[in-house]
Amino acid sequence: MENQNRGNIDELEQRKKMEQLKQDVLVRFLTKEARERLGNLRYVRPELAEEVENMLMQSALTGRLKSVIDDQRLKELLQAIAQPKKEQKIKFENK
């Protein structure tokens, strides 16, 4: 029982650290307007906001994100992510 409680505490601490890291990345790499847009998006489409945040965090941690993202660039990023994926159709013909 004590091991389970310790595991839960460790998991909560890990989540808290990850959330703090995510907030640090967002503050460092997004302008105020872009952070506001992302915050508004969280109310409407939380799954999309989470996807964008994770993508930004990964890019920052791997060193691919080097400049600050402004509101216009975030809009472009959101449009690229939100566009429906094209479906591939395979047609089988009987001979």
PDB file of N, CA and C in Angstrom:
ATOM      1  N   MET A   1       0.828  -1.186   0.000  1.00  0.00           N
ATOM      2  CA  MET A   1       0.000   0.000   0.000  1.00  0.00           C
ATOM      3  C   MET A   1       0.874   1.252   0.000  1.00  0.00           C
ATOM      4  N   GLU A   2       1.936   1.240   0.788  1.00  0.00           N
ATOM      5  CA  GLU A   2       2.828   2.389   0.863  1.00  0.00           C
ATOM      6  C   GLU A   2       3.559   2.605  -0.462  1.00  0.00           C
ATOM      7  N   ASN A   3       3.934   1.507  -1.140  1.00  0.00           N
ATOM      8  CA  ASN A   3       4.589   1.613  -2.439  1.00  0.00           C
ATOM      9  C   ASN A   3       3.666   2.231  -3.466  1.00  0.00           C
ATOM     10  N   GLN A   4       2.385   1.870  -3.401  1.00  0.00           N
ATOM     11  CA  GLN A   4       1.411   2.426  -4.340  1.00  0.00           C
ATOM     12  C   GLN A   4       1.261   3.928  -4.118  1.00  0.00           C
ATOM     13  N   ASN A   5       1.171   4.352  -2.853  1.00  0.00           N
ATOM     14  CA  ASN A   5       1.073   5.776  -2.551  1.00  0.00           C
ATOM     15  C   ASN A   5       2.311   6.528  -3.020  1.00  0.00           C
ATOM     16  N   ARG A   6       3.477   5.927  -2.809  1.00  0.00           N
ATOM     17  CA  ARG A   6       4.726   6.556  -3.239  1.00  0.00           C
ATOM     18  C   ARG A   6       4.755   6.678  -4.765  1.00  0.00           C
ATOM     19  N   GLY A   7       4.264   5.647  -5.444  1.00  0.00           N
ATOM     20  CA  GLY A   7       4.189   5.686  -6.911  1.00  0.00           C
ATOM     21  C   GLY A   7       3.271   6.790  -7.390  1.00  0.00           C
ATOM     22  N   ASN A   8       2.134   6.968  -6.721  1.00  0.00           N
ATOM     23  CA  ASN A   8       1.198   8.031  -7.086  1.00  0.00           C
ATOM     24  C   ASN A   8       1.826   9.400  -6.865  1.00  0.00           C
ATOM     25  N   ILE A   9       2.537   9.550  -5.767  1.00  0.00           N
ATOM     26  CA  ILE A   9       3.195  10.825  -5.465  1.00  0.00           C
ATOM     27  C   ILE A   9       4.268  11.123  -6.511  1.00  0.00           C
ATOM     28  N   ASP A  10       5.050  10.117  -6.867  1.00  0.00           N
ATOM     29  CA  ASP A  10       6.086  10.292  -7.891  1.00  0.00           C
ATOM     30  C   ASP A  10       5.469  10.686  -9.224  1.00  0.00           C
ATOM     31  N   GLU A  11       4.362  10.038  -9.575  1.00  0.00           N
ATOM     32  CA  GLU A  11       3.678  10.344 -10.832  1.00  0.00           C
ATOM     33  C   GLU A  11       3.156  11.776 -10.833  1.00  0.00           C
ATOM     34  N   LEU A  12       2.571  12.210  -9.717  1.00  0.00           N
ATOM     35  CA  LEU A  12       2.074  13.577  -9.619  1.00  0.00           C
ATOM     36  C   LEU A  12       3.208  14.593  -9.727  1.00  0.00           C
ATOM     37  N   GLU A  13       4.328  14.297  -9.095  1.00  0.00           N
ATOM     38  CA  GLU A  13       5.486  15.187  -9.173  1.00  0.00           C
ATOM     39  C   GLU A  13       6.007  15.267 -10.599  1.00  0.00           C
ATOM     40  N   GLN A  14       6.043  14.139 -11.281  1.00  0.00           N
ATOM     41  CA  GLN A  14       6.506  14.099 -12.670  1.00  0.00           C
ATOM     42  C   GLN A  14       5.581  14.919 -13.563  1.00  0.00           C
ATOM     43  N   ARG A  15       4.279  14.776 -13.385  1.00  0.00           N
ATOM     44  CA  ARG A  15       3.319  15.554 -14.172  1.00  0.00           C
ATOM     45  C   ARG A  15       3.482  17.040 -13.914  1.00  0.00           C
ATOM     46  N   LYS A  16       3.696  17.389 -12.643  1.00  0.00           N
ATOM     47  CA  LYS A  16       3.866  18.792 -12.269  1.00  0.00           C
ATOM     48  C   LYS A  16       5.117  19.370 -12.931  1.00  0.00           C
ATOM     49  N   LYS A  17       6.208  18.604 -12.951  1.00  0.00           N
ATOM     50  CA  LYS A  17       7.444  19.055 -13.591  1.00  0.00           C
ATOM     51  C   LYS A  17       7.240  19.244 -15.096  1.00  0.00           C
ATOM     52  N   MET A  18       6.544  18.299 -15.715  1.00  0.00           N
ATOM     53  CA  MET A  18       6.294  18.394 -17.161  1.00  0.00           C
ATOM     54  C   MET A  18       5.423  19.610 -17.481  1.00  0.00           C
ATOM     55  N   GLU A  19       4.420  19.860 -16.660  1.00  0.00           N
ATOM     56  CA  GLU A  19       3.542  21.009 -16.865  1.00  0.00           C
ATOM     57  C   GLU A  19       4.329  22.306 -16.704  1.00  0.00           C
ATOM     58  N   GLN A  20       5.211  22.364 -15.731  1.00  0.00           N
ATOM     59  CA  GLN A  20       6.033  23.559 -15.532  1.00  0.00           C
ATOM     60  C   GLN A  20       6.975  23.763 -16.710  1.00  0.00           C
ATOM     61  N   LEU A  21       7.550  22.674 -17.211  1.00  0.00           N
ATOM     62  CA  LEU A  21       8.432  22.753 -18.370  1.00  0.00           C
ATOM     63  C   LEU A  21       7.663  23.264 -19.580  1.00  0.00           C
ATOM     64  N   LYS A  22       6.455  22.754 -19.776  1.00  0.00           N
ATOM     65  CA  LYS A  22       5.625  23.189 -20.894  1.00  0.00           C
ATOM     66  C   LYS A  22       5.325  24.684 -20.788  1.00  0.00           C
ATOM     67  N   GLN A  23       4.968  25.142 -19.601  1.00  0.00           N
ATOM     68  CA  GLN A  23       4.673  26.569 -19.411  1.00  0.00           C
ATOM     69  C   GLN A  23       5.918  27.422 -19.670  1.00  0.00           C
ATOM     70  N   ASP A  24       7.074  26.954 -19.233  1.00  0.00           N
ATOM     71  CA  ASP A  24       8.322  27.677 -19.480  1.00  0.00           C
ATOM     72  C   ASP A  24       8.597  27.806 -20.976  1.00  0.00           C
ATOM     73  N   VAL A  25       8.389  26.727 -21.714  1.00  0.00           N
ATOM     74  CA  VAL A  25       8.606  26.737 -23.164  1.00  0.00           C
ATOM     75  C   VAL A  25       7.625  27.703 -23.827  1.00  0.00           C
ATOM     76  N   LEU A  26       6.355  27.661 -23.433  1.00  0.00           N
ATOM     77  CA  LEU A  26       5.360  28.538 -24.042  1.00  0.00           C
ATOM     78  C   LEU A  26       5.677  30.006 -23.779  1.00  0.00           C
ATOM     79  N   VAL A  27       6.110  30.323 -22.572  1.00  0.00           N
ATOM     80  CA  VAL A  27       6.448  31.712 -22.238  1.00  0.00           C
ATOM     81  C   VAL A  27       7.682  32.157 -23.022  1.00  0.00           C
ATOM     82  N   ARG A  28       8.619  31.277 -23.179  1.00  0.00           N
ATOM     83  CA  ARG A  28       9.873  31.635 -23.851  1.00  0.00           C
ATOM     84  C   ARG A  28       9.711  31.766 -25.364  1.00  0.00           C
ATOM     85  N   PHE A  29       8.890  30.896 -25.975  1.00  0.00           N
ATOM     86  CA  PHE A  29       8.852  30.838 -27.432  1.00  0.00           C
ATOM     87  C   PHE A  29       7.580  31.392 -28.073  1.00  0.00           C
ATOM     88  N   LEU A  30       6.601  31.811 -27.292  1.00  0.00           N
ATOM     89  CA  LEU A  30       5.381  32.391 -27.861  1.00  0.00           C
ATOM     90  C   LEU A  30       5.233  33.831 -27.384  1.00  0.00           C
ATOM     91  N   THR A  31       4.784  34.691 -28.293  1.00  0.00           N
ATOM     92  CA  THR A  31       4.488  36.054 -27.882  1.00  0.00           C
ATOM     93  C   THR A  31       3.240  36.038 -26.998  1.00  0.00           C
ATOM     94  N   LYS A  32       2.977  37.145 -26.349  1.00  0.00           N
ATOM     95  CA  LYS A  32       1.815  37.246 -25.473  1.00  0.00           C
ATOM     96  C   LYS A  32       0.534  36.966 -26.252  1.00  0.00           C
ATOM     97  N   GLU A  33       0.420  37.535 -27.442  1.00  0.00           N
ATOM     98  CA  GLU A  33      -0.781  37.343 -28.275  1.00  0.00           C
ATOM     99  C   GLU A  33      -0.938  35.880 -28.666  1.00  0.00           C
ATOM    100  N   ALA A  34       0.158  35.223 -29.007  1.00  0.00           N
ATOM    101  CA  ALA A  34       0.101  33.813 -29.401  1.00  0.00           C
ATOM    102  C   ALA A  34      -0.317  32.946 -28.214  1.00  0.00           C
ATOM    103  N   ARG A  35       0.189  33.266 -27.009  1.00  0.00           N
ATOM    104  CA  ARG A  35      -0.216  32.513 -25.809  1.00  0.00           C
ATOM    105  C   ARG A  35      -1.697  32.722 -25.524  1.00  0.00           C
ATOM    106  N   GLU A  36      -2.186  33.938 -25.736  1.00  0.00           N
ATOM    107  CA  GLU A  36      -3.616  34.198 -25.529  1.00  0.00           C
ATOM    108  C   GLU A  36      -4.457  33.391 -26.512  1.00  0.00           C
ATOM    109  N   ARG A  37      -4.018  33.355 -27.773  1.00  0.00           N
ATOM    110  CA  ARG A  37      -4.756  32.573 -28.776  1.00  0.00           C
ATOM    111  C   ARG A  37      -4.769  31.090 -28.402  1.00  0.00           C
ATOM    112  N   LEU A  38      -3.659  30.588 -27.953  1.00  0.00           N
ATOM    113  CA  LEU A  38      -3.581  29.188 -27.552  1.00  0.00           C
ATOM    114  C   LEU A  38      -4.472  28.921 -26.341  1.00  0.00           C
ATOM    115  N   GLY A  39      -4.519  29.870 -25.421  1.00  0.00           N
ATOM    116  CA  GLY A  39      -5.396  29.745 -24.260  1.00  0.00           C
ATOM    117  C   GLY A  39      -6.863  29.741 -24.656  1.00  0.00           C
ATOM    118  N   ASN A  40      -7.230  30.599 -25.603  1.00  0.00           N
ATOM    119  CA  ASN A  40      -8.609  30.618 -26.096  1.00  0.00           C
ATOM    120  C   ASN A  40      -8.951  29.320 -26.817  1.00  0.00           C
ATOM    121  N   LEU A  41      -7.986  28.821 -27.563  1.00  0.00           N
ATOM    122  CA  LEU A  41      -8.195  27.561 -28.286  1.00  0.00           C
ATOM    123  C   LEU A  41      -8.446  26.408 -27.320  1.00  0.00           C
ATOM    124  N   ARG A  42      -7.795  26.453 -26.166  1.00  0.00           N
ATOM    125  CA  ARG A  42      -7.960  25.395 -25.167  1.00  0.00           C
ATOM    126  C   ARG A  42      -9.422  25.261 -24.748  1.00  0.00           C
ATOM    127  N   TYR A  43     -10.177  26.376 -24.712  1.00  0.00           N
ATOM    128  CA  TYR A  43     -11.592  26.314 -24.341  1.00  0.00           C
ATOM    129  C   TYR A  43     -12.433  25.667 -25.432  1.00  0.00           C
ATOM    130  N   VAL A  44     -12.080  25.939 -26.689  1.00  0.00           N
ATOM    131  CA  VAL A  44     -12.888  25.464 -27.816  1.00  0.00           C
ATOM    132  C   VAL A  44     -12.475  24.071 -28.272  1.00  0.00           C
ATOM    133  N   ARG A  45     -11.174  23.864 -28.441  1.00  0.00           N
ATOM    134  CA  ARG A  45     -10.654  22.580 -28.928  1.00  0.00           C
ATOM    135  C   ARG A  45      -9.446  22.171 -28.099  1.00  0.00           C
ATOM    136  N   PRO A  46      -9.707  21.648 -26.890  1.00  0.00           N
ATOM    137  CA  PRO A  46      -8.589  21.317 -25.989  1.00  0.00           C
ATOM    138  C   PRO A  46      -7.613  20.307 -26.575  1.00  0.00           C
ATOM    139  N   GLU A  47      -8.104  19.362 -27.374  1.00  0.00           N
ATOM    140  CA  GLU A  47      -7.208  18.356 -27.942  1.00  0.00           C
ATOM    141  C   GLU A  47      -6.243  18.983 -28.946  1.00  0.00           C
ATOM    142  N   LEU A  48      -6.708  19.967 -29.705  1.00  0.00           N
ATOM    143  CA  LEU A  48      -5.839  20.647 -30.663  1.00  0.00           C
ATOM    144  C   LEU A  48      -4.811  21.503 -29.921  1.00  0.00           C
ATOM    145  N   ALA A  49      -5.236  22.199 -28.877  1.00  0.00           N
ATOM    146  CA  ALA A  49      -4.314  23.004 -28.081  1.00  0.00           C
ATOM    147  C   ALA A  49      -3.241  22.126 -27.463  1.00  0.00           C
ATOM    148  N   GLU A  50      -3.622  20.989 -26.952  1.00  0.00           N
ATOM    149  CA  GLU A  50      -2.665  20.054 -26.354  1.00  0.00           C
ATOM    150  C   GLU A  50      -1.668  19.552 -27.393  1.00  0.00           C
ATOM    151  N   GLU A  51      -2.162  19.258 -28.594  1.00  0.00           N
ATOM    152  CA  GLU A  51      -1.292  18.790 -29.671  1.00  0.00           C
ATOM    153  C   GLU A  51      -0.264  19.859 -30.044  1.00  0.00           C
ATOM    154  N   VAL A  52      -0.713  21.108 -30.148  1.00  0.00           N
ATOM    155  CA  VAL A  52       0.193  22.211 -30.487  1.00  0.00           C
ATOM    156  C   VAL A  52       1.219  22.415 -29.379  1.00  0.00           C
ATOM    157  N   GLU A  53       0.773  22.405 -28.132  1.00  0.00           N
ATOM    158  CA  GLU A  53       1.689  22.587 -27.007  1.00  0.00           C
ATOM    159  C   GLU A  53       2.747  21.488 -26.989  1.00  0.00           C
ATOM    160  N   ASN A  54       2.329  20.258 -27.191  1.00  0.00           N
ATOM    161  CA  ASN A  54       3.282  19.144 -27.197  1.00  0.00           C
ATOM    162  C   ASN A  54       4.272  19.266 -28.347  1.00  0.00           C
ATOM    163  N   MET A  55       3.776  19.689 -29.511  1.00  0.00           N
ATOM    164  CA  MET A  55       4.639  19.858 -30.665  1.00  0.00           C
ATOM    165  C   MET A  55       5.672  20.966 -30.409  1.00  0.00           C
ATOM    166  N   LEU A  56       5.221  22.067 -29.833  1.00  0.00           N
ATOM    167  CA  LEU A  56       6.138  23.162 -29.518  1.00  0.00           C
ATOM    168  C   LEU A  56       7.176  22.725 -28.486  1.00  0.00           C
ATOM    169  N   MET A  57       6.731  21.989 -27.492  1.00  0.00           N
ATOM    170  CA  MET A  57       7.634  21.527 -26.451  1.00  0.00           C
ATOM    171  C   MET A  57       8.695  20.592 -27.040  1.00  0.00           C
ATOM    172  N   GLN A  58       8.276  19.655 -27.862  1.00  0.00           N
ATOM    173  CA  GLN A  58       9.220  18.732 -28.488  1.00  0.00           C
ATOM    174  C   GLN A  58      10.229  19.487 -29.351  1.00  0.00           C
ATOM    175  N   SER A  59       9.731  20.440 -30.131  1.00  0.00           N
ATOM    176  CA  SER A  59      10.615  21.218 -31.005  1.00  0.00           C
ATOM    177  C   SER A  59      11.617  22.018 -30.184  1.00  0.00           C
ATOM    178  N   ALA A  60      11.171  22.596 -29.088  1.00  0.00           N
ATOM    179  CA  ALA A  60      12.071  23.371 -28.236  1.00  0.00           C
ATOM    180  C   ALA A  60      13.111  22.474 -27.581  1.00  0.00           C
ATOM    181  N   LEU A  61      12.691  21.323 -27.098  1.00  0.00           N
ATOM    182  CA  LEU A  61      13.611  20.422 -26.398  1.00  0.00           C
ATOM    183  C   LEU A  61      14.653  19.810 -27.327  1.00  0.00           C
ATOM    184  N   THR A  62      14.289  19.633 -28.600  1.00  0.00           N
ATOM    185  CA  THR A  62      15.242  19.058 -29.554  1.00  0.00           C
ATOM    186  C   THR A  62      16.077  20.121 -30.252  1.00  0.00           C
ATOM    187  N   GLY A  63      15.809  21.404 -29.947  1.00  0.00           N
ATOM    188  CA  GLY A  63      16.601  22.484 -30.525  1.00  0.00           C
ATOM    189  C   GLY A  63      16.141  22.961 -31.881  1.00  0.00           C
ATOM    190  N   ARG A  64      15.017  22.465 -32.364  1.00  0.00           N
ATOM    191  CA  ARG A  64      14.517  22.887 -33.677  1.00  0.00           C
ATOM    192  C   ARG A  64      13.796  24.222 -33.608  1.00  0.00           C
ATOM    193  N   LEU A  65      13.314  24.593 -32.440  1.00  0.00           N
ATOM    194  CA  LEU A  65      12.594  25.849 -32.263  1.00  0.00           C
ATOM    195  C   LEU A  65      13.589  26.876 -31.741  1.00  0.00           C
ATOM    196  N   LYS A  66      13.939  27.839 -32.609  1.00  0.00           N
ATOM    197  CA  LYS A  66      14.994  28.779 -32.248  1.00  0.00           C
ATOM    198  C   LYS A  66      14.482  30.206 -32.120  1.00  0.00           C
ATOM    199  N   SER A  67      13.354  30.518 -32.733  1.00  0.00           N
ATOM    200  CA  SER A  67      12.849  31.891 -32.686  1.00  0.00           C
ATOM    201  C   SER A  67      11.468  31.926 -32.037  1.00  0.00           C
ATOM    202  N   VAL A  68      11.075  33.123 -31.652  1.00  0.00           N
ATOM    203  CA  VAL A  68       9.782  33.322 -31.009  1.00  0.00           C
ATOM    204  C   VAL A  68       8.680  33.244 -32.060  1.00  0.00           C
ATOM    205  N   ILE A  69       7.586  32.580 -31.706  1.00  0.00           N
ATOM    206  CA  ILE A  69       6.446  32.425 -32.609  1.00  0.00           C
ATOM    207  C   ILE A  69       5.420  33.496 -32.264  1.00  0.00           C
ATOM    208  N   ASP A  70       5.089  34.301 -33.285  1.00  0.00           N
ATOM    209  CA  ASP A  70       4.096  35.344 -33.057  1.00  0.00           C
ATOM    210  C   ASP A  70       2.701  34.814 -33.392  1.00  0.00           C
ATOM    211  N   ASP A  71       1.706  35.661 -33.212  1.00  0.00           N
ATOM    212  CA  ASP A  71       0.317  35.248 -33.405  1.00  0.00           C
ATOM    213  C   ASP A  71       0.050  34.779 -34.835  1.00  0.00           C
ATOM    214  N   GLN A  72       0.598  35.501 -35.810  1.00  0.00           N
ATOM    215  CA  GLN A  72       0.375  35.132 -37.217  1.00  0.00           C
ATOM    216  C   GLN A  72       0.963  33.762 -37.521  1.00  0.00           C
ATOM    217  N   ARG A  73       2.162  33.501 -37.039  1.00  0.00           N
ATOM    218  CA  ARG A  73       2.803  32.200 -37.283  1.00  0.00           C
ATOM    219  C   ARG A  73       2.036  31.081 -36.591  1.00  0.00           C
ATOM    220  N   LEU A  74       1.499  31.365 -35.396  1.00  0.00           N
ATOM    221  CA  LEU A  74       0.701  30.365 -34.688  1.00  0.00           C
ATOM    222  C   LEU A  74      -0.577  30.059 -35.462  1.00  0.00           C
ATOM    223  N   LYS A  75      -1.198  31.095 -36.046  1.00  0.00           N
ATOM    224  CA  LYS A  75      -2.400  30.878 -36.868  1.00  0.00           C
ATOM    225  C   LYS A  75      -2.084  29.935 -38.028  1.00  0.00           C
ATOM    226  N   GLU A  76      -0.954  30.182 -38.688  1.00  0.00           N
ATOM    227  CA  GLU A  76      -0.554  29.333 -39.818  1.00  0.00           C
ATOM    228  C   GLU A  76      -0.319  27.898 -39.353  1.00  0.00           C
ATOM    229  N   LEU A  77       0.317  27.761 -38.233  1.00  0.00           N
ATOM    230  CA  LEU A  77       0.580  26.435 -37.667  1.00  0.00           C
ATOM    231  C   LEU A  77      -0.731  25.712 -37.354  1.00  0.00           C
ATOM    232  N   LEU A  78      -1.665  26.429 -36.745  1.00  0.00           N
ATOM    233  CA  LEU A  78      -2.964  25.837 -36.399  1.00  0.00           C
ATOM    234  C   LEU A  78      -3.731  25.425 -37.647  1.00  0.00           C
ATOM    235  N   GLN A  79      -3.683  26.248 -38.679  1.00  0.00           N
ATOM    236  CA  GLN A  79      -4.367  25.894 -39.929  1.00  0.00           C
ATOM    237  C   GLN A  79      -3.773  24.641 -40.544  1.00  0.00           C
ATOM    238  N   ALA A  80      -2.461  24.534 -40.508  1.00  0.00           N
ATOM    239  CA  ALA A  80      -1.803  23.351 -41.078  1.00  0.00           C
ATOM    240  C   ALA A  80      -2.172  22.096 -40.295  1.00  0.00           C
ATOM    241  N   ILE A  81      -2.270  22.207 -38.983  1.00  0.00           N
ATOM    242  CA  ILE A  81      -2.597  21.038 -38.163  1.00  0.00           C
ATOM    243  C   ILE A  81      -4.068  20.678 -38.265  1.00  0.00           C
ATOM    244  N   ALA A  82      -4.933  21.688 -38.320  1.00  0.00           N
ATOM    245  CA  ALA A  82      -6.379  21.457 -38.265  1.00  0.00           C
ATOM    246  C   ALA A  82      -6.965  20.989 -39.589  1.00  0.00           C
ATOM    247  N   GLN A  83      -6.226  21.153 -40.681  1.00  0.00           N
ATOM    248  CA  GLN A  83      -6.766  20.724 -41.971  1.00  0.00           C
ATOM    249  C   GLN A  83      -6.988  19.220 -41.971  1.00  0.00           C
ATOM    250  N   PRO A  84      -8.132  18.814 -42.502  1.00  0.00           N
ATOM    251  CA  PRO A  84      -8.394  17.373 -42.541  1.00  0.00           C
ATOM    252  C   PRO A  84      -7.376  16.654 -43.423  1.00  0.00           C
ATOM    253  N   LYS A  85      -6.998  15.518 -42.971  1.00  0.00           N
ATOM    254  CA  LYS A  85      -6.028  14.712 -43.712  1.00  0.00           C
ATOM    255  C   LYS A  85      -6.724  14.092 -44.924  1.00  0.00           C
ATOM    256  N   LYS A  86      -5.986  14.035 -46.030  1.00  0.00           N
ATOM    257  CA  LYS A  86      -6.539  13.413 -47.226  1.00  0.00           C
ATOM    258  C   LYS A  86      -6.568  11.905 -47.034  1.00  0.00           C
ATOM    259  N   GLU A  87      -7.659  11.320 -47.455  1.00  0.00           N
ATOM    260  CA  GLU A  87      -7.776   9.870 -47.366  1.00  0.00           C
ATOM    261  C   GLU A  87      -7.299   9.249 -48.672  1.00  0.00           C
ATOM    262  N   GLN A  88      -6.566   8.191 -48.535  1.00  0.00           N
ATOM    263  CA  GLN A  88      -6.157   7.456 -49.716  1.00  0.00           C
ATOM    264  C   GLN A  88      -7.171   6.361 -49.969  1.00  0.00           C
ATOM    265  N   LYS A  89      -7.600   6.271 -51.198  1.00  0.00           N
ATOM    266  CA  LYS A  89      -8.540   5.213 -51.558  1.00  0.00           C
ATOM    267  C   LYS A  89      -7.837   4.245 -52.490  1.00  0.00           C
ATOM    268  N   ILE A  90      -8.000   3.003 -52.172  1.00  0.00           N
ATOM    269  CA  ILE A  90      -7.427   1.942 -53.002  1.00  0.00           C
ATOM    270  C   ILE A  90      -8.589   1.222 -53.647  1.00  0.00           C
ATOM    271  N   LYS A  91      -8.514   1.141 -54.956  1.00  0.00           N
ATOM    272  CA  LYS A  91      -9.584   0.510 -55.715  1.00  0.00           C
ATOM    273  C   LYS A  91      -9.114  -0.847 -56.199  1.00  0.00           C
ATOM    274  N   PHE A  92      -9.907  -1.871 -55.899  1.00  0.00           N
ATOM    275  CA  PHE A  92      -9.610  -3.212 -56.369  1.00  0.00           C
ATOM    276  C   PHE A  92     -10.556  -3.521 -57.517  1.00  0.00           C
ATOM    277  N   GLU A  93      -9.978  -3.989 -58.600  1.00  0.00           N
ATOM    278  CA  GLU A  93     -10.795  -4.343 -59.748  1.00  0.00           C
ATOM    279  C   GLU A  93     -10.789  -5.860 -59.919  1.00  0.00           C
ATOM    280  N   ASN A  94     -11.948  -6.405 -60.099  1.00  0.00           N
ATOM    281  CA  ASN A  94     -12.038  -7.845 -60.355  1.00  0.00           C
ATOM    282  C   ASN A  94     -11.833  -8.087 -61.840  1.00  0.00           C
ATOM    283  N   LYS A  95     -11.037  -9.090 -62.153  1.00  0.00           N
ATOM    284  CA  LYS A  95     -10.776  -9.408 -63.565  1.00  0.00           C
ATOM    285  C   LYS A  95     -11.442 -10.708 -63.918  1.00  0.00           C
TER     286      LYS A  95
END
